[in-house]
N, C-alpha and C. Protein backbone atom coordinates (compact mmCIF):
# COMPACT_ATOMS: atom_id res chain seq x y z
N MET A 1 66.86 98.85 16.40
CA MET A 1 65.44 98.45 16.38
C MET A 1 65.08 98.13 14.93
N ASN A 2 64.55 96.88 14.70
CA ASN A 2 64.17 96.52 13.35
C ASN A 2 62.88 97.18 12.92
N ASP A 3 62.55 97.00 11.65
CA ASP A 3 61.37 97.68 11.09
C ASP A 3 60.09 97.32 11.77
N ASP A 4 59.94 96.03 12.11
CA ASP A 4 58.72 95.58 12.79
C ASP A 4 58.55 96.24 14.16
N LYS A 5 59.66 96.32 14.89
CA LYS A 5 59.59 96.95 16.23
C LYS A 5 59.34 98.46 16.12
N LYS A 6 59.95 99.08 15.07
CA LYS A 6 59.70 100.49 14.87
C LYS A 6 58.24 100.76 14.56
N ALA A 7 57.66 99.90 13.72
CA ALA A 7 56.24 100.07 13.34
C ALA A 7 55.33 99.84 14.57
N ALA A 8 55.68 98.84 15.37
CA ALA A 8 54.89 98.55 16.56
C ALA A 8 54.97 99.72 17.57
N ASN A 9 56.17 100.27 17.74
CA ASN A 9 56.33 101.39 18.67
C ASN A 9 55.60 102.62 18.15
N LYS A 10 55.65 102.86 16.86
CA LYS A 10 54.92 104.00 16.30
C LYS A 10 53.43 103.85 16.53
N LYS A 11 52.96 102.61 16.38
CA LYS A 11 51.53 102.38 16.63
C LYS A 11 51.15 102.58 18.09
N ARG A 12 52.05 102.16 18.99
CA ARG A 12 51.80 102.35 20.41
C ARG A 12 51.75 103.84 20.75
N VAL A 13 52.61 104.62 20.16
CA VAL A 13 52.61 106.06 20.40
C VAL A 13 51.29 106.67 19.90
N ALA A 14 50.86 106.22 18.72
CA ALA A 14 49.59 106.74 18.17
C ALA A 14 48.39 106.36 19.03
N ILE A 15 48.39 105.11 19.51
CA ILE A 15 47.30 104.65 20.42
C ILE A 15 47.32 105.46 21.71
N ALA A 16 48.51 105.68 22.25
CA ALA A 16 48.61 106.41 23.51
C ALA A 16 48.13 107.85 23.35
N LYS A 17 48.37 108.47 22.21
CA LYS A 17 47.93 109.83 21.93
C LYS A 17 46.40 109.85 21.93
N ILE A 18 45.79 108.89 21.30
CA ILE A 18 44.34 108.82 21.29
C ILE A 18 43.80 108.60 22.70
N ALA A 19 44.43 107.67 23.44
CA ALA A 19 44.00 107.39 24.78
C ALA A 19 44.09 108.61 25.69
N ALA A 20 45.17 109.38 25.54
CA ALA A 20 45.36 110.58 26.34
C ALA A 20 44.21 111.59 26.12
N GLU A 21 43.74 111.68 24.91
CA GLU A 21 42.61 112.57 24.61
C GLU A 21 41.35 112.10 25.35
N PHE A 22 41.13 110.79 25.33
CA PHE A 22 39.99 110.23 26.05
C PHE A 22 40.14 110.50 27.55
N PHE A 23 41.30 110.12 28.09
CA PHE A 23 41.54 110.23 29.53
C PHE A 23 41.38 111.69 30.01
N SER A 24 41.85 112.63 29.22
CA SER A 24 41.86 114.04 29.64
C SER A 24 40.48 114.68 29.50
N LYS A 25 39.70 114.21 28.54
CA LYS A 25 38.38 114.85 28.28
C LYS A 25 37.23 114.07 28.88
N ARG A 26 37.26 112.74 28.82
CA ARG A 26 36.17 111.94 29.32
C ARG A 26 36.42 111.46 30.74
N GLY A 27 37.71 111.19 31.03
CA GLY A 27 38.07 110.65 32.32
C GLY A 27 38.64 109.23 32.14
N TYR A 28 39.57 108.86 33.00
CA TYR A 28 40.18 107.52 32.89
C TYR A 28 39.17 106.43 33.16
N ALA A 29 38.43 106.53 34.23
CA ALA A 29 37.46 105.48 34.62
C ALA A 29 36.37 105.33 33.56
N GLU A 30 36.02 106.45 32.91
CA GLU A 30 34.93 106.42 31.94
C GLU A 30 35.36 105.96 30.54
N THR A 31 36.64 105.74 30.37
CA THR A 31 37.17 105.30 29.05
C THR A 31 37.47 103.80 29.08
N SER A 32 37.03 103.10 28.08
CA SER A 32 37.27 101.66 27.98
C SER A 32 38.34 101.38 26.93
N MET A 33 38.90 100.21 26.98
CA MET A 33 39.87 99.78 25.95
C MET A 33 39.16 99.71 24.61
N GLU A 34 37.88 99.37 24.62
CA GLU A 34 37.10 99.32 23.36
C GLU A 34 36.99 100.71 22.75
N ASP A 35 36.79 101.75 23.61
CA ASP A 35 36.75 103.12 23.10
C ASP A 35 38.03 103.50 22.40
N ILE A 36 39.13 103.16 23.04
CA ILE A 36 40.46 103.48 22.48
C ILE A 36 40.68 102.72 21.17
N ALA A 37 40.35 101.40 21.22
CA ALA A 37 40.53 100.57 20.02
C ALA A 37 39.75 101.08 18.84
N THR A 38 38.49 101.44 19.08
CA THR A 38 37.63 101.95 17.98
C THR A 38 38.20 103.24 17.40
N ALA A 39 38.63 104.14 18.24
CA ALA A 39 39.20 105.41 17.77
C ALA A 39 40.51 105.21 17.03
N ALA A 40 41.25 104.15 17.41
CA ALA A 40 42.52 103.85 16.79
C ALA A 40 42.38 102.94 15.56
N LYS A 41 41.09 102.63 15.23
CA LYS A 41 40.80 101.75 14.10
C LYS A 41 41.38 100.36 14.27
N LEU A 42 41.25 99.83 15.48
CA LEU A 42 41.66 98.47 15.79
C LEU A 42 40.46 97.67 16.25
N SER A 43 40.57 96.34 16.16
CA SER A 43 39.51 95.53 16.69
C SER A 43 39.58 95.51 18.21
N LYS A 44 38.50 95.06 18.84
CA LYS A 44 38.46 95.05 20.29
C LYS A 44 39.63 94.25 20.88
N GLY A 45 39.95 93.14 20.18
CA GLY A 45 41.08 92.32 20.66
C GLY A 45 42.41 92.81 20.10
N GLY A 46 42.40 93.55 19.01
CA GLY A 46 43.66 93.94 18.37
C GLY A 46 44.49 94.89 19.23
N ILE A 47 43.85 95.69 20.04
CA ILE A 47 44.61 96.67 20.86
C ILE A 47 45.48 95.94 21.85
N TYR A 48 45.11 94.74 22.25
CA TYR A 48 45.92 94.00 23.23
C TYR A 48 47.21 93.43 22.63
N HIS A 49 47.35 93.60 21.34
CA HIS A 49 48.64 93.23 20.72
C HIS A 49 49.67 94.30 21.10
N TYR A 50 49.21 95.50 21.42
CA TYR A 50 50.11 96.59 21.75
C TYR A 50 50.15 96.95 23.26
N PHE A 51 49.06 96.76 23.95
CA PHE A 51 49.01 97.03 25.37
C PHE A 51 48.23 95.93 26.07
N GLY A 52 48.74 95.51 27.21
CA GLY A 52 48.09 94.39 27.92
C GLY A 52 46.88 94.82 28.72
N SER A 53 46.79 96.08 29.07
CA SER A 53 45.68 96.57 29.90
C SER A 53 45.56 98.07 29.77
N LYS A 54 44.48 98.61 30.30
CA LYS A 54 44.28 100.06 30.26
C LYS A 54 45.31 100.77 31.11
N THR A 55 45.71 100.15 32.23
CA THR A 55 46.75 100.77 33.07
C THR A 55 48.08 100.80 32.32
N ASP A 56 48.32 99.81 31.46
CA ASP A 56 49.55 99.86 30.65
C ASP A 56 49.56 101.06 29.72
N VAL A 57 48.38 101.34 29.13
CA VAL A 57 48.25 102.51 28.26
C VAL A 57 48.50 103.79 29.06
N LEU A 58 47.88 103.87 30.25
CA LEU A 58 48.03 105.04 31.09
C LEU A 58 49.50 105.25 31.47
N TYR A 59 50.17 104.18 31.84
CA TYR A 59 51.58 104.30 32.22
C TYR A 59 52.42 104.80 31.03
N PHE A 60 52.16 104.25 29.86
CA PHE A 60 52.87 104.67 28.68
C PHE A 60 52.69 106.14 28.42
N VAL A 61 51.48 106.68 28.58
CA VAL A 61 51.16 108.06 28.37
C VAL A 61 51.95 108.94 29.35
N VAL A 62 51.80 108.69 30.64
CA VAL A 62 52.40 109.58 31.62
C VAL A 62 53.93 109.40 31.73
N ASP A 63 54.43 108.20 31.50
CA ASP A 63 55.87 107.95 31.55
C ASP A 63 56.55 108.69 30.40
N ASN A 64 56.00 108.60 29.22
CA ASN A 64 56.58 109.30 28.07
C ASN A 64 56.49 110.81 28.24
N PHE A 65 55.42 111.30 28.86
CA PHE A 65 55.31 112.72 29.09
C PHE A 65 56.39 113.18 30.06
N MET A 66 56.61 112.44 31.12
CA MET A 66 57.66 112.83 32.10
C MET A 66 59.04 112.76 31.44
N GLU A 67 59.26 111.81 30.55
CA GLU A 67 60.51 111.77 29.83
C GLU A 67 60.71 113.04 28.99
N LEU A 68 59.62 113.52 28.35
CA LEU A 68 59.71 114.76 27.61
C LEU A 68 60.03 115.95 28.53
N VAL A 69 59.41 115.97 29.68
CA VAL A 69 59.63 117.05 30.65
C VAL A 69 61.10 117.07 31.10
N LEU A 70 61.68 115.90 31.31
CA LEU A 70 63.04 115.83 31.84
C LEU A 70 64.13 115.87 30.76
N ASN A 71 63.76 115.46 29.56
CA ASN A 71 64.76 115.26 28.52
C ASN A 71 65.61 116.50 28.20
N GLY A 72 66.86 116.39 28.56
CA GLY A 72 67.82 117.47 28.25
C GLY A 72 67.74 118.71 29.11
N LEU A 73 66.80 118.75 30.05
CA LEU A 73 66.60 119.96 30.86
C LEU A 73 67.84 120.28 31.72
N GLU A 74 68.32 119.28 32.43
CA GLU A 74 69.44 119.52 33.33
C GLU A 74 70.67 119.96 32.55
N GLU A 75 70.93 119.31 31.42
CA GLU A 75 72.07 119.68 30.58
C GLU A 75 71.91 121.09 30.05
N GLU A 76 70.69 121.44 29.67
CA GLU A 76 70.44 122.78 29.16
C GLU A 76 70.70 123.85 30.22
N LEU A 77 70.27 123.58 31.43
CA LEU A 77 70.48 124.53 32.54
C LEU A 77 71.93 124.66 32.94
N LYS A 78 72.68 123.59 32.80
CA LYS A 78 74.11 123.63 33.09
C LYS A 78 74.85 124.56 32.17
N GLY A 79 74.28 124.76 30.97
CA GLY A 79 74.91 125.65 29.99
C GLY A 79 74.56 127.14 30.20
N ILE A 80 73.75 127.42 31.23
CA ILE A 80 73.35 128.80 31.54
C ILE A 80 74.04 129.22 32.83
N ASP A 81 74.85 130.27 32.82
CA ASP A 81 75.57 130.67 33.97
C ASP A 81 74.72 131.48 34.97
N ASP A 82 73.85 132.30 34.42
CA ASP A 82 73.09 133.22 35.28
C ASP A 82 71.88 132.49 35.93
N GLY A 83 71.81 132.54 37.27
CA GLY A 83 70.73 131.86 37.97
C GLY A 83 69.37 132.34 37.62
N LEU A 84 69.24 133.65 37.39
CA LEU A 84 67.97 134.23 37.03
C LEU A 84 67.48 133.70 35.68
N GLU A 85 68.39 133.56 34.73
CA GLU A 85 68.04 133.02 33.41
C GLU A 85 67.67 131.55 33.51
N LYS A 86 68.27 130.85 34.45
CA LYS A 86 67.89 129.43 34.64
C LYS A 86 66.43 129.31 35.09
N VAL A 87 66.02 130.16 36.02
CA VAL A 87 64.66 130.14 36.49
C VAL A 87 63.71 130.50 35.36
N LYS A 88 64.06 131.50 34.60
CA LYS A 88 63.21 131.94 33.48
C LYS A 88 63.09 130.81 32.45
N ARG A 89 64.15 130.08 32.20
CA ARG A 89 64.14 129.00 31.21
C ARG A 89 63.28 127.86 31.70
N VAL A 90 63.32 127.55 32.98
CA VAL A 90 62.48 126.47 33.54
C VAL A 90 61.02 126.80 33.34
N ILE A 91 60.64 128.02 33.63
CA ILE A 91 59.23 128.40 33.49
C ILE A 91 58.82 128.37 32.03
N ARG A 92 59.62 128.97 31.16
CA ARG A 92 59.27 129.04 29.75
C ARG A 92 59.14 127.61 29.15
N ARG A 93 60.10 126.77 29.45
CA ARG A 93 60.04 125.43 28.91
C ARG A 93 58.79 124.68 29.40
N HIS A 94 58.47 124.81 30.65
CA HIS A 94 57.28 124.15 31.22
C HIS A 94 56.02 124.63 30.52
N VAL A 95 55.89 125.94 30.34
CA VAL A 95 54.69 126.52 29.72
C VAL A 95 54.62 126.15 28.23
N GLU A 96 55.75 126.20 27.56
CA GLU A 96 55.74 125.93 26.11
C GLU A 96 55.49 124.46 25.78
N LEU A 97 55.79 123.56 26.72
CA LEU A 97 55.56 122.13 26.50
C LEU A 97 54.07 121.81 26.51
N TYR A 98 53.32 122.59 27.31
CA TYR A 98 51.91 122.29 27.51
C TYR A 98 51.05 122.32 26.23
N PRO A 99 51.13 123.34 25.37
CA PRO A 99 50.27 123.35 24.21
C PRO A 99 50.47 122.16 23.27
N LYS A 100 51.69 121.60 23.28
CA LYS A 100 52.02 120.48 22.38
C LYS A 100 51.58 119.15 23.00
N HIS A 101 51.37 119.11 24.31
CA HIS A 101 51.05 117.84 24.98
C HIS A 101 49.99 118.06 26.04
N THR A 102 48.94 118.82 25.67
CA THR A 102 47.90 119.16 26.59
C THR A 102 47.22 117.92 27.22
N ALA A 103 46.82 116.98 26.38
CA ALA A 103 46.11 115.80 26.87
C ALA A 103 46.98 114.97 27.80
N GLU A 104 48.26 114.83 27.46
CA GLU A 104 49.15 114.05 28.31
C GLU A 104 49.40 114.73 29.67
N ALA A 105 49.52 116.04 29.64
CA ALA A 105 49.70 116.80 30.88
C ALA A 105 48.51 116.66 31.79
N LYS A 106 47.32 116.82 31.24
CA LYS A 106 46.12 116.68 32.04
C LYS A 106 45.94 115.25 32.54
N THR A 107 46.33 114.28 31.77
CA THR A 107 46.25 112.89 32.21
C THR A 107 47.17 112.66 33.40
N LEU A 108 48.35 113.20 33.33
CA LEU A 108 49.28 113.10 34.47
C LEU A 108 48.68 113.71 35.73
N LEU A 109 48.11 114.86 35.58
CA LEU A 109 47.54 115.57 36.75
C LEU A 109 46.36 114.85 37.33
N ASN A 110 45.49 114.30 36.48
CA ASN A 110 44.20 113.78 36.96
C ASN A 110 44.07 112.28 37.05
N ALA A 111 44.92 111.54 36.39
CA ALA A 111 44.71 110.10 36.31
C ALA A 111 45.85 109.24 36.81
N VAL A 112 47.00 109.87 37.14
CA VAL A 112 48.16 109.04 37.48
C VAL A 112 47.95 108.18 38.71
N HIS A 113 47.02 108.57 39.60
CA HIS A 113 46.74 107.80 40.80
C HIS A 113 46.08 106.46 40.52
N ASN A 114 45.65 106.24 39.28
CA ASN A 114 45.05 104.96 38.88
C ASN A 114 46.07 103.89 38.58
N LEU A 115 47.33 104.25 38.53
CA LEU A 115 48.38 103.29 38.21
C LEU A 115 48.61 102.30 39.36
N PRO A 116 49.03 101.09 39.03
CA PRO A 116 49.47 100.17 40.09
C PRO A 116 50.63 100.74 40.86
N ARG A 117 50.79 100.26 42.06
CA ARG A 117 51.76 100.87 43.00
C ARG A 117 53.17 101.02 42.39
N LYS A 118 53.68 99.97 41.79
CA LYS A 118 55.05 100.02 41.25
C LYS A 118 55.17 101.07 40.16
N SER A 119 54.20 101.08 39.25
CA SER A 119 54.24 102.07 38.14
C SER A 119 54.09 103.48 38.68
N PHE A 120 53.23 103.62 39.66
CA PHE A 120 53.00 104.95 40.28
C PHE A 120 54.29 105.46 40.90
N LYS A 121 55.02 104.59 41.59
CA LYS A 121 56.25 104.95 42.24
C LYS A 121 57.32 105.38 41.21
N ASN A 122 57.28 104.74 40.05
CA ASN A 122 58.24 105.10 39.00
C ASN A 122 57.98 106.55 38.50
N ILE A 123 56.70 106.89 38.37
CA ILE A 123 56.35 108.22 37.90
C ILE A 123 56.70 109.25 39.00
N VAL A 124 56.40 108.92 40.23
CA VAL A 124 56.75 109.80 41.36
C VAL A 124 58.24 110.07 41.39
N ALA A 125 59.04 109.04 41.12
CA ALA A 125 60.49 109.21 41.11
C ALA A 125 60.92 110.21 40.05
N LYS A 126 60.26 110.20 38.91
CA LYS A 126 60.58 111.16 37.85
C LYS A 126 60.08 112.56 38.19
N GLU A 127 58.97 112.65 38.87
CA GLU A 127 58.49 113.95 39.34
C GLU A 127 59.44 114.54 40.36
N ARG A 128 59.98 113.70 41.23
CA ARG A 128 60.94 114.14 42.24
C ARG A 128 62.26 114.63 41.56
N GLU A 129 62.63 113.91 40.50
CA GLU A 129 63.84 114.32 39.77
C GLU A 129 63.62 115.71 39.14
N TYR A 130 62.44 115.94 38.60
CA TYR A 130 62.12 117.26 38.05
C TYR A 130 62.14 118.31 39.15
N PHE A 131 61.57 117.97 40.30
CA PHE A 131 61.59 118.90 41.43
C PHE A 131 63.02 119.27 41.80
N ARG A 132 63.91 118.29 41.81
CA ARG A 132 65.32 118.53 42.16
C ARG A 132 65.96 119.51 41.18
N VAL A 133 65.72 119.27 39.90
CA VAL A 133 66.31 120.14 38.87
C VAL A 133 65.78 121.56 38.99
N VAL A 134 64.50 121.71 39.23
CA VAL A 134 63.92 123.05 39.41
C VAL A 134 64.45 123.71 40.67
N ASP A 135 64.52 122.92 41.75
CA ASP A 135 65.05 123.46 43.02
C ASP A 135 66.51 123.92 42.85
N ASP A 136 67.29 123.17 42.11
CA ASP A 136 68.68 123.55 41.87
C ASP A 136 68.76 124.87 41.09
N ALA A 137 67.85 125.02 40.10
CA ALA A 137 67.85 126.27 39.33
C ALA A 137 67.49 127.46 40.21
N LEU A 138 66.50 127.30 41.07
CA LEU A 138 66.13 128.36 41.98
C LEU A 138 67.23 128.67 42.97
N SER A 139 67.88 127.61 43.47
CA SER A 139 68.96 127.81 44.43
C SER A 139 70.13 128.56 43.84
N SER A 140 70.36 128.35 42.56
CA SER A 140 71.44 129.06 41.88
C SER A 140 71.20 130.57 41.82
N TYR A 141 69.91 130.95 41.85
CA TYR A 141 69.53 132.37 41.87
C TYR A 141 69.49 132.91 43.32
N LEU A 142 68.88 132.14 44.19
CA LEU A 142 68.66 132.59 45.56
C LEU A 142 69.96 132.69 46.36
N GLY A 143 70.87 131.73 46.13
CA GLY A 143 72.08 131.71 46.90
C GLY A 143 71.77 131.57 48.38
N ALA A 144 72.39 132.42 49.17
CA ALA A 144 72.18 132.37 50.64
C ALA A 144 71.19 133.47 51.07
N SER A 145 70.45 134.02 50.16
CA SER A 145 69.59 135.14 50.47
C SER A 145 68.37 134.74 51.32
N LEU A 146 67.98 133.46 51.19
CA LEU A 146 66.86 132.93 51.97
C LEU A 146 67.29 131.70 52.72
N GLY A 147 66.55 131.38 53.76
CA GLY A 147 66.80 130.17 54.51
C GLY A 147 66.35 128.94 53.72
N LYS A 148 66.78 127.78 54.15
CA LYS A 148 66.46 126.52 53.45
C LYS A 148 64.97 126.32 53.35
N ASN A 149 64.24 126.54 54.42
CA ASN A 149 62.79 126.31 54.42
C ASN A 149 62.07 127.26 53.48
N GLU A 150 62.50 128.54 53.47
CA GLU A 150 61.89 129.54 52.58
C GLU A 150 62.14 129.18 51.12
N ALA A 151 63.39 128.77 50.84
CA ALA A 151 63.76 128.41 49.46
C ALA A 151 62.96 127.21 48.99
N LEU A 152 62.76 126.21 49.86
CA LEU A 152 61.99 125.02 49.53
C LEU A 152 60.56 125.40 49.24
N ALA A 153 60.02 126.31 50.06
CA ALA A 153 58.64 126.77 49.87
C ALA A 153 58.47 127.43 48.52
N ILE A 154 59.48 128.22 48.10
CA ILE A 154 59.42 128.89 46.83
C ILE A 154 59.43 127.89 45.67
N THR A 155 60.17 126.82 45.80
CA THR A 155 60.18 125.79 44.77
C THR A 155 58.78 125.19 44.63
N PHE A 156 58.16 124.87 45.75
CA PHE A 156 56.80 124.34 45.70
C PHE A 156 55.83 125.34 45.10
N ILE A 157 56.00 126.60 45.43
CA ILE A 157 55.14 127.65 44.86
C ILE A 157 55.29 127.73 43.37
N LEU A 158 56.56 127.70 42.87
CA LEU A 158 56.79 127.76 41.45
C LEU A 158 56.17 126.59 40.73
N LEU A 159 56.36 125.37 41.22
CA LEU A 159 55.80 124.20 40.55
C LEU A 159 54.29 124.18 40.63
N GLY A 160 53.76 124.67 41.73
CA GLY A 160 52.30 124.75 41.86
C GLY A 160 51.74 125.72 40.80
N MET A 161 52.40 126.84 40.62
CA MET A 161 52.00 127.81 39.63
C MET A 161 52.09 127.24 38.20
N CYS A 162 53.20 126.56 37.92
CA CYS A 162 53.39 125.97 36.62
C CYS A 162 52.40 124.87 36.31
N ASN A 163 52.17 123.99 37.29
CA ASN A 163 51.27 122.86 37.08
C ASN A 163 49.81 123.26 37.03
N SER A 164 49.50 124.39 37.66
CA SER A 164 48.11 124.83 37.64
C SER A 164 47.58 125.15 36.28
N ILE A 165 48.48 125.46 35.34
CA ILE A 165 48.00 125.80 33.97
C ILE A 165 47.32 124.64 33.31
N TYR A 166 47.65 123.40 33.76
CA TYR A 166 47.00 122.23 33.17
C TYR A 166 45.50 122.24 33.42
N ALA A 167 45.08 122.90 34.47
CA ALA A 167 43.64 122.92 34.83
C ALA A 167 42.87 124.04 34.16
N TRP A 168 43.54 125.12 33.80
CA TRP A 168 42.77 126.29 33.36
C TRP A 168 43.23 126.95 32.06
N TYR A 169 44.50 126.76 31.71
CA TYR A 169 45.05 127.56 30.62
C TYR A 169 44.67 127.04 29.25
N ASP A 170 44.20 127.95 28.38
CA ASP A 170 43.95 127.66 26.97
C ASP A 170 45.07 128.26 26.16
N PRO A 171 45.96 127.44 25.60
CA PRO A 171 47.10 128.01 24.88
C PRO A 171 46.74 128.78 23.63
N HIS A 172 45.46 128.67 23.23
CA HIS A 172 44.98 129.40 22.05
C HIS A 172 44.29 130.71 22.42
N SER A 173 44.37 131.07 23.67
CA SER A 173 43.74 132.32 24.16
C SER A 173 44.56 133.51 23.75
N ALA A 174 44.09 134.69 24.13
CA ALA A 174 44.81 135.92 23.78
C ALA A 174 46.16 136.02 24.46
N VAL A 175 46.30 135.37 25.58
CA VAL A 175 47.62 135.31 26.28
C VAL A 175 48.35 134.08 25.80
N GLY A 176 49.34 134.30 24.96
CA GLY A 176 50.11 133.19 24.42
C GLY A 176 51.09 132.62 25.43
N PRO A 177 51.65 131.44 25.15
CA PRO A 177 52.59 130.80 26.06
C PRO A 177 53.79 131.68 26.46
N SER A 178 54.35 132.40 25.51
CA SER A 178 55.48 133.24 25.81
C SER A 178 55.13 134.37 26.79
N GLN A 179 53.98 134.99 26.52
CA GLN A 179 53.50 136.06 27.43
C GLN A 179 53.17 135.50 28.80
N LEU A 180 52.56 134.33 28.84
CA LEU A 180 52.17 133.74 30.12
C LEU A 180 53.41 133.39 30.94
N SER A 181 54.42 132.84 30.25
CA SER A 181 55.64 132.46 30.99
C SER A 181 56.33 133.73 31.57
N ASP A 182 56.31 134.83 30.83
CA ASP A 182 56.89 136.06 31.35
C ASP A 182 56.11 136.60 32.56
N MET A 183 54.77 136.48 32.48
CA MET A 183 53.93 136.90 33.60
C MET A 183 54.23 136.10 34.84
N MET A 184 54.33 134.80 34.68
CA MET A 184 54.62 133.92 35.80
C MET A 184 55.98 134.20 36.39
N PHE A 185 56.96 134.41 35.49
CA PHE A 185 58.32 134.70 35.92
C PHE A 185 58.36 135.97 36.74
N ASN A 186 57.73 137.02 36.24
CA ASN A 186 57.74 138.30 36.97
C ASN A 186 57.02 138.25 38.29
N LEU A 187 55.90 137.53 38.34
CA LEU A 187 55.19 137.35 39.62
C LEU A 187 56.10 136.66 40.61
N LEU A 188 56.79 135.62 40.19
CA LEU A 188 57.65 134.86 41.09
C LEU A 188 58.83 135.73 41.58
N ILE A 189 59.50 136.37 40.68
CA ILE A 189 60.69 137.14 41.03
C ILE A 189 60.33 138.35 41.86
N ASP A 190 59.23 139.03 41.51
CA ASP A 190 58.81 140.18 42.34
C ASP A 190 58.41 139.72 43.72
N GLY A 191 57.80 138.54 43.81
CA GLY A 191 57.43 137.99 45.11
C GLY A 191 58.67 137.67 45.95
N ILE A 192 59.67 137.10 45.28
CA ILE A 192 60.90 136.78 45.99
C ILE A 192 61.58 138.08 46.48
N ARG A 193 61.58 139.09 45.65
CA ARG A 193 62.17 140.37 46.04
C ARG A 193 61.50 140.92 47.31
N GLY A 194 60.20 140.67 47.42
CA GLY A 194 59.49 141.15 48.59
C GLY A 194 59.91 140.40 49.85
N ILE A 195 60.43 139.22 49.69
CA ILE A 195 60.87 138.41 50.82
C ILE A 195 62.37 138.71 51.13
N ALA A 196 63.12 138.74 50.07
CA ALA A 196 64.58 138.93 50.24
C ALA A 196 65.02 140.18 49.49
N LYS A 197 65.17 141.25 50.17
CA LYS A 197 65.48 142.54 49.58
C LYS A 197 66.85 142.60 48.94
N LYS A 198 67.74 141.69 49.29
CA LYS A 198 69.10 141.78 48.79
C LYS A 198 69.27 141.10 47.43
N LEU A 199 68.27 140.49 46.89
CA LEU A 199 68.44 139.85 45.58
C LEU A 199 68.62 140.91 44.50
N PRO A 200 69.40 140.59 43.45
CA PRO A 200 69.63 141.57 42.39
C PRO A 200 68.37 141.86 41.58
N ASP A 201 68.32 143.08 41.03
CA ASP A 201 67.19 143.46 40.21
C ASP A 201 67.25 142.67 38.90
N CYS A 202 66.06 142.54 38.27
CA CYS A 202 66.03 141.87 36.97
C CYS A 202 65.03 142.56 36.06
N GLN A 203 65.26 142.46 34.81
CA GLN A 203 64.35 142.97 33.77
C GLN A 203 63.96 141.83 32.89
N THR A 204 62.68 141.70 32.52
CA THR A 204 62.23 140.68 31.60
C THR A 204 61.43 141.28 30.50
N ASP A 205 61.44 140.56 29.37
CA ASP A 205 60.58 140.95 28.26
C ASP A 205 60.14 139.66 27.56
N SER A 206 59.32 139.79 26.56
CA SER A 206 58.74 138.64 25.89
C SER A 206 59.67 138.01 24.91
N SER A 207 60.83 138.59 24.69
CA SER A 207 61.75 138.07 23.64
C SER A 207 62.79 137.13 24.23
N GLY A 208 62.91 137.05 25.58
CA GLY A 208 64.00 136.29 26.17
C GLY A 208 63.79 134.83 26.23
């Protein structure tokens, strides 16, 4: 990538960061390209040098966020032998990513449906890939202790619990991300134990 392309991509990233703040706080429909351009110190027409439309900005925001979510996760989990530790790592990584990308996470949750059909399908495909990786991590812990339907339900429960933090969690609150991830992990594992008594015991702490 030459210097001009690097500079243009850096500017696109900066514009998208500003846009994500608007989308997450004001709302996608309530934000105009002019709002984003003004905040990015661009002319009304200048922003179109970087993005062709507001939906292009939205796609850039949520697509890059999903790339962050997926980046290196499967490889990282393959390096962990213990299924329980895989589950713990999935939860911790998910929770720790949120404080660094709060606006992008909220934009994905609340505004992704505004994308054109093709772009929306691309994001859904990445969400399904994440679901598969999480499901594999849970399966490595559960083994044959639960039936297929029960195991699938637990994957949905885990992701629902993780994604719900986008709506309510303040990472600057008294409960830090590390503590929150441990709480979520223990709730999940204790709940699983209540369903499948044969699963091995586990101990967690805030340092793992």
